[in-house]
């Protein structure tokens, strides 16, 4: 089979349903091996080395270390479940003949940072809620604080939606410009 004909055979990427299922099954994240396996189990070529390269290039977020229960077990790296979606998008863009460098430059690939920001906001809001609950336990009026935290949570969600929509628009515009060439 020659190269041109082989290029026309595009790999079957993960569907939206498969992505949502993976994200719901792994809300706390996945190991790099589990992410690679998610693609390999669907006969999509993706290796640990490629995964590491994408992380080094800033296309994917870095892992966070999670301690393993038990004596002398250490910790393991966990990636946000949305990392699978990001890899799927990179692979889709590559089927449209974008290079990794073009994807990195033109698409302002910020998915990892957005996911990191979402996790950070959740942790921060969780700590604020814990503090408000502790104040309420001491008999202090915390209703106003809880209401304010709810308002901030809504504002944070709105911010995340706006950032994600902006990143999506940038990708769409780059795709349109690329298709016009």
C-alpha atoms as a PDB file:
ATOM      1  CA  UNK A   1       0.000   0.000   0.000  1.00  0.00           C
ATOM      2  CA  UNK A   2       1.557   3.339  -0.957  1.00  0.00           C
ATOM      3  CA  UNK A   3       1.939   6.308   1.385  1.00  0.00           C
ATOM      4  CA  UNK A   4      -0.825   8.490  -0.107  1.00  0.00           C
ATOM      5  CA  UNK A   5      -3.386   5.730   0.021  1.00  0.00           C
ATOM      6  CA  UNK A   6      -2.322   4.780   3.543  1.00  0.00           C
ATOM      7  CA  UNK A   7      -2.712   8.424   4.691  1.00  0.00           C
ATOM      8  CA  UNK A   8      -6.300   8.401   3.508  1.00  0.00           C
ATOM      9  CA  UNK A   9      -7.095   5.619   5.952  1.00  0.00           C
ATOM     10  CA  UNK A  10      -7.744   7.717   9.032  1.00  0.00           C
ATOM     11  CA  UNK A  11      -7.683   6.039  12.427  1.00  0.00           C
ATOM     12  CA  UNK A  12     -10.971   5.732  14.246  1.00  0.00           C
ATOM     13  CA  UNK A  13     -10.757   8.195  17.091  1.00  0.00           C
ATOM     14  CA  UNK A  14     -12.631   7.943  20.357  1.00  0.00           C
ATOM     15  CA  UNK A  15     -16.249   9.027  20.124  1.00  0.00           C
ATOM     16  CA  UNK A  16     -17.787  11.664  22.379  1.00  0.00           C
ATOM     17  CA  UNK A  17     -19.651   8.891  24.204  1.00  0.00           C
ATOM     18  CA  UNK A  18     -16.420   6.972  24.816  1.00  0.00           C
ATOM     19  CA  UNK A  19     -14.687  10.133  26.058  1.00  0.00           C
ATOM     20  CA  UNK A  20     -17.539  10.994  28.430  1.00  0.00           C
ATOM     21  CA  UNK A  21     -17.600   7.406  29.742  1.00  0.00           C
ATOM     22  CA  UNK A  22     -13.836   7.473  30.413  1.00  0.00           C
ATOM     23  CA  UNK A  23     -14.102  10.828  32.171  1.00  0.00           C
ATOM     24  CA  UNK A  24     -17.019   9.639  34.322  1.00  0.00           C
ATOM     25  CA  UNK A  25     -15.316   6.356  35.215  1.00  0.00           C
ATOM     26  CA  UNK A  26     -12.101   8.139  36.212  1.00  0.00           C
ATOM     27  CA  UNK A  27     -13.030  11.442  37.880  1.00  0.00           C
ATOM     28  CA  UNK A  28      -9.819  11.427  39.936  1.00  0.00           C
ATOM     29  CA  UNK A  29      -7.651  10.922  36.841  1.00  0.00           C
ATOM     30  CA  UNK A  30      -5.686   8.170  35.140  1.00  0.00           C
ATOM     31  CA  UNK A  31      -2.115   6.914  35.062  1.00  0.00           C
ATOM     32  CA  UNK A  32      -0.132   7.336  31.854  1.00  0.00           C
ATOM     33  CA  UNK A  33      -0.362   3.565  31.308  1.00  0.00           C
ATOM     34  CA  UNK A  34      -4.173   3.682  31.583  1.00  0.00           C
ATOM     35  CA  UNK A  35      -4.326   6.562  29.097  1.00  0.00           C
ATOM     36  CA  UNK A  36      -2.101   4.751  26.601  1.00  0.00           C
ATOM     37  CA  UNK A  37      -4.214   1.618  27.098  1.00  0.00           C
ATOM     38  CA  UNK A  38      -7.427   3.579  26.412  1.00  0.00           C
ATOM     39  CA  UNK A  39      -6.144   4.180  22.900  1.00  0.00           C
ATOM     40  CA  UNK A  40      -4.377   0.832  22.403  1.00  0.00           C
ATOM     41  CA  UNK A  41      -7.519  -1.098  23.382  1.00  0.00           C
ATOM     42  CA  UNK A  42      -9.271   0.647  20.480  1.00  0.00           C
ATOM     43  CA  UNK A  43      -6.393  -0.073  18.060  1.00  0.00           C
ATOM     44  CA  UNK A  44      -5.312   3.568  17.977  1.00  0.00           C
ATOM     45  CA  UNK A  45      -1.541   3.938  17.769  1.00  0.00           C
ATOM     46  CA  UNK A  46      -0.277   5.862  20.804  1.00  0.00           C
ATOM     47  CA  UNK A  47       2.770   5.033  22.930  1.00  0.00           C
ATOM     48  CA  UNK A  48       4.188   5.996  26.327  1.00  0.00           C
ATOM     49  CA  UNK A  49       7.043   7.758  24.511  1.00  0.00           C
ATOM     50  CA  UNK A  50       4.595   9.853  22.482  1.00  0.00           C
ATOM     51  CA  UNK A  51       2.651  10.607  25.647  1.00  0.00           C
ATOM     52  CA  UNK A  52       5.825  11.852  27.387  1.00  0.00           C
ATOM     53  CA  UNK A  53       6.724  13.939  24.322  1.00  0.00           C
ATOM     54  CA  UNK A  54       3.303  15.634  24.339  1.00  0.00           C
ATOM     55  CA  UNK A  55       3.706  16.460  28.035  1.00  0.00           C
ATOM     56  CA  UNK A  56       7.203  17.870  27.442  1.00  0.00           C
ATOM     57  CA  UNK A  57       5.908  20.020  24.558  1.00  0.00           C
ATOM     58  CA  UNK A  58       3.176  21.417  26.794  1.00  0.00           C
ATOM     59  CA  UNK A  59       0.355  19.838  24.784  1.00  0.00           C
ATOM     60  CA  UNK A  60      -0.757  17.866  27.832  1.00  0.00           C
ATOM     61  CA  UNK A  61      -0.738  18.711  31.544  1.00  0.00           C
ATOM     62  CA  UNK A  62       1.878  17.339  33.884  1.00  0.00           C
ATOM     63  CA  UNK A  63       0.804  14.680  36.337  1.00  0.00           C
ATOM     64  CA  UNK A  64       0.059  15.289  39.960  1.00  0.00           C
ATOM     65  CA  UNK A  65       1.552  12.915  42.488  1.00  0.00           C
ATOM     66  CA  UNK A  66      -0.880  10.808  44.495  1.00  0.00           C
ATOM     67  CA  UNK A  67       0.315   8.783  47.451  1.00  0.00           C
ATOM     68  CA  UNK A  68      -0.305   5.050  47.400  1.00  0.00           C
ATOM     69  CA  UNK A  69      -1.640   3.447  50.591  1.00  0.00           C
ATOM     70  CA  UNK A  70       0.681   1.074  52.338  1.00  0.00           C
ATOM     71  CA  UNK A  71       4.145   1.159  53.759  1.00  0.00           C
ATOM     72  CA  UNK A  72       6.907   2.040  51.283  1.00  0.00           C
ATOM     73  CA  UNK A  73       4.476   2.250  48.356  1.00  0.00           C
ATOM     74  CA  UNK A  74       5.462   5.764  47.297  1.00  0.00           C
ATOM     75  CA  UNK A  75       3.305   7.724  44.899  1.00  0.00           C
ATOM     76  CA  UNK A  76       2.147   7.575  41.317  1.00  0.00           C
ATOM     77  CA  UNK A  77       1.498  10.166  38.656  1.00  0.00           C
ATOM     78  CA  UNK A  78      -2.139  10.841  37.840  1.00  0.00           C
ATOM     79  CA  UNK A  79      -3.328  12.850  34.860  1.00  0.00           C
ATOM     80  CA  UNK A  80      -6.723  14.544  34.582  1.00  0.00           C
ATOM     81  CA  UNK A  81      -9.299  12.380  32.803  1.00  0.00           C
ATOM     82  CA  UNK A  82      -9.654  15.177  30.225  1.00  0.00           C
ATOM     83  CA  UNK A  83      -6.138  14.323  29.010  1.00  0.00           C
ATOM     84  CA  UNK A  84      -7.664  11.516  26.925  1.00  0.00           C
ATOM     85  CA  UNK A  85      -9.895  14.091  25.206  1.00  0.00           C
ATOM     86  CA  UNK A  86      -6.866  16.298  24.510  1.00  0.00           C
ATOM     87  CA  UNK A  87      -4.919  13.425  22.949  1.00  0.00           C
ATOM     88  CA  UNK A  88      -7.948  12.535  20.851  1.00  0.00           C
ATOM     89  CA  UNK A  89      -8.097  16.133  19.585  1.00  0.00           C
ATOM     90  CA  UNK A  90      -4.370  16.161  18.801  1.00  0.00           C
ATOM     91  CA  UNK A  91      -4.751  12.938  16.829  1.00  0.00           C
ATOM     92  CA  UNK A  92      -7.762  14.391  14.985  1.00  0.00           C
ATOM     93  CA  UNK A  93      -5.806  17.503  14.042  1.00  0.00           C
ATOM     94  CA  UNK A  94      -2.928  15.332  12.852  1.00  0.00           C
ATOM     95  CA  UNK A  95      -5.310  13.491  10.521  1.00  0.00           C
ATOM     96  CA  UNK A  96      -5.993  16.929   9.003  1.00  0.00           C
ATOM     97  CA  UNK A  97      -2.238  17.168   8.275  1.00  0.00           C
ATOM     98  CA  UNK A  98      -1.372  19.560  11.087  1.00  0.00           C
ATOM     99  CA  UNK A  99       2.094  18.993  12.518  1.00  0.00           C
ATOM    100  CA  UNK A 100       2.716  18.827  16.245  1.00  0.00           C
ATOM    101  CA  UNK A 101       4.465  22.203  16.037  1.00  0.00           C
ATOM    102  CA  UNK A 102       1.495  23.770  14.206  1.00  0.00           C
ATOM    103  CA  UNK A 103      -0.875  22.348  16.785  1.00  0.00           C
ATOM    104  CA  UNK A 104       1.296  23.712  19.576  1.00  0.00           C
ATOM    105  CA  UNK A 105       1.619  27.188  18.035  1.00  0.00           C
ATOM    106  CA  UNK A 106      -1.616  27.837  16.131  1.00  0.00           C
ATOM    107  CA  UNK A 107      -4.119  26.255  18.428  1.00  0.00           C
ATOM    108  CA  UNK A 108      -2.861  27.790  21.651  1.00  0.00           C
ATOM    109  CA  UNK A 109      -3.362  24.359  23.159  1.00  0.00           C
ATOM    110  CA  UNK A 110      -4.480  25.352  26.618  1.00  0.00           C
ATOM    111  CA  UNK A 111      -6.608  22.360  27.499  1.00  0.00           C
ATOM    112  CA  UNK A 112      -4.141  21.177  30.119  1.00  0.00           C
ATOM    113  CA  UNK A 113      -3.974  24.568  31.734  1.00  0.00           C
ATOM    114  CA  UNK A 114      -7.758  24.872  31.702  1.00  0.00           C
ATOM    115  CA  UNK A 115      -8.085  21.494  33.396  1.00  0.00           C
ATOM    116  CA  UNK A 116      -5.454  22.496  35.935  1.00  0.00           C
ATOM    117  CA  UNK A 117      -7.280  25.776  36.612  1.00  0.00           C
ATOM    118  CA  UNK A 118     -10.560  23.905  37.091  1.00  0.00           C
ATOM    119  CA  UNK A 119      -8.934  21.560  39.636  1.00  0.00           C
ATOM    120  CA  UNK A 120      -7.271  24.472  41.449  1.00  0.00           C
ATOM    121  CA  UNK A 121     -10.555  26.398  41.669  1.00  0.00           C
ATOM    122  CA  UNK A 122     -12.327  23.295  42.999  1.00  0.00           C
ATOM    123  CA  UNK A 123      -9.655  22.767  45.671  1.00  0.00           C
ATOM    124  CA  UNK A 124      -9.753  26.435  46.672  1.00  0.00           C
ATOM    125  CA  UNK A 125     -13.550  26.528  46.859  1.00  0.00           C
ATOM    126  CA  UNK A 126     -13.516  23.278  48.841  1.00  0.00           C
ATOM    127  CA  UNK A 127     -11.139  24.803  51.381  1.00  0.00           C
ATOM    128  CA  UNK A 128     -13.302  27.921  51.648  1.00  0.00           C
ATOM    129  CA  UNK A 129     -16.355  25.713  52.262  1.00  0.00           C
ATOM    130  CA  UNK A 130     -14.478  23.792  54.959  1.00  0.00           C
ATOM    131  CA  UNK A 131     -13.513  27.069  56.642  1.00  0.00           C
ATOM    132  CA  UNK A 132     -17.100  28.333  56.468  1.00  0.00           C
ATOM    133  CA  UNK A 133     -18.353  25.042  57.979  1.00  0.00           C
ATOM    134  CA  UNK A 134     -15.803  25.337  60.801  1.00  0.00           C
ATOM    135  CA  UNK A 135     -17.006  28.874  61.539  1.00  0.00           C
ATOM    136  CA  UNK A 136     -20.615  27.673  61.591  1.00  0.00           C
ATOM    137  CA  UNK A 137     -19.628  24.898  64.022  1.00  0.00           C
ATOM    138  CA  UNK A 138     -18.268  27.561  66.381  1.00  0.00           C
ATOM    139  CA  UNK A 139     -21.630  29.286  66.292  1.00  0.00           C
ATOM    140  CA  UNK A 140     -20.620  32.147  64.036  1.00  0.00           C
ATOM    141  CA  UNK A 141     -23.031  33.345  61.352  1.00  0.00           C
ATOM    142  CA  UNK A 142     -21.735  31.713  58.178  1.00  0.00           C
ATOM    143  CA  UNK A 143     -24.846  31.911  55.987  1.00  0.00           C
ATOM    144  CA  UNK A 144     -23.587  35.037  54.233  1.00  0.00           C
ATOM    145  CA  UNK A 145     -20.216  33.400  53.669  1.00  0.00           C
ATOM    146  CA  UNK A 146     -21.813  30.258  52.212  1.00  0.00           C
ATOM    147  CA  UNK A 147     -23.936  32.391  49.901  1.00  0.00           C
ATOM    148  CA  UNK A 148     -20.834  34.298  48.776  1.00  0.00           C
ATOM    149  CA  UNK A 149     -18.959  31.028  48.134  1.00  0.00           C
ATOM    150  CA  UNK A 150     -21.895  29.860  45.981  1.00  0.00           C
ATOM    151  CA  UNK A 151     -21.694  33.121  44.021  1.00  0.00           C
ATOM    152  CA  UNK A 152     -17.964  32.688  43.547  1.00  0.00           C
ATOM    153  CA  UNK A 153     -18.490  29.071  42.435  1.00  0.00           C
ATOM    154  CA  UNK A 154     -20.965  30.287  39.800  1.00  0.00           C
ATOM    155  CA  UNK A 155     -18.528  32.982  38.650  1.00  0.00           C
ATOM    156  CA  UNK A 156     -15.722  30.408  38.458  1.00  0.00           C
ATOM    157  CA  UNK A 157     -17.883  28.100  36.338  1.00  0.00           C
ATOM    158  CA  UNK A 158     -18.809  31.015  34.075  1.00  0.00           C
ATOM    159  CA  UNK A 159     -15.114  31.910  33.725  1.00  0.00           C
ATOM    160  CA  UNK A 160     -14.251  28.310  32.820  1.00  0.00           C
ATOM    161  CA  UNK A 161     -17.012  28.216  30.199  1.00  0.00           C
ATOM    162  CA  UNK A 162     -15.790  31.493  28.699  1.00  0.00           C
ATOM    163  CA  UNK A 163     -12.173  30.296  28.577  1.00  0.00           C
ATOM    164  CA  UNK A 164     -13.146  26.960  27.025  1.00  0.00           C
ATOM    165  CA  UNK A 165     -15.353  28.704  24.443  1.00  0.00           C
ATOM    166  CA  UNK A 166     -12.516  31.091  23.572  1.00  0.00           C
ATOM    167  CA  UNK A 167     -10.076  28.204  23.099  1.00  0.00           C
ATOM    168  CA  UNK A 168     -12.661  26.416  20.956  1.00  0.00           C
ATOM    169  CA  UNK A 169     -13.149  29.515  18.769  1.00  0.00           C
ATOM    170  CA  UNK A 170      -9.400  29.853  18.274  1.00  0.00           C
ATOM    171  CA  UNK A 171      -9.240  26.215  17.166  1.00  0.00           C
ATOM    172  CA  UNK A 172     -12.202  26.701  14.811  1.00  0.00           C
ATOM    173  CA  UNK A 173     -10.670  29.812  13.214  1.00  0.00           C
ATOM    174  CA  UNK A 174      -7.337  28.052  12.732  1.00  0.00           C
ATOM    175  CA  UNK A 175      -9.115  25.082  11.171  1.00  0.00           C
ATOM    176  CA  UNK A 176     -11.029  27.362   8.768  1.00  0.00           C
ATOM    177  CA  UNK A 177      -7.825  29.184   7.816  1.00  0.00           C
ATOM    178  CA  UNK A 178      -6.056  25.852   7.301  1.00  0.00           C
ATOM    179  CA  UNK A 179      -8.884  24.468   5.128  1.00  0.00           C
ATOM    180  CA  UNK A 180      -8.870  27.630   2.981  1.00  0.00           C
ATOM    181  CA  UNK A 181      -5.217  27.068   2.007  1.00  0.00           C
END
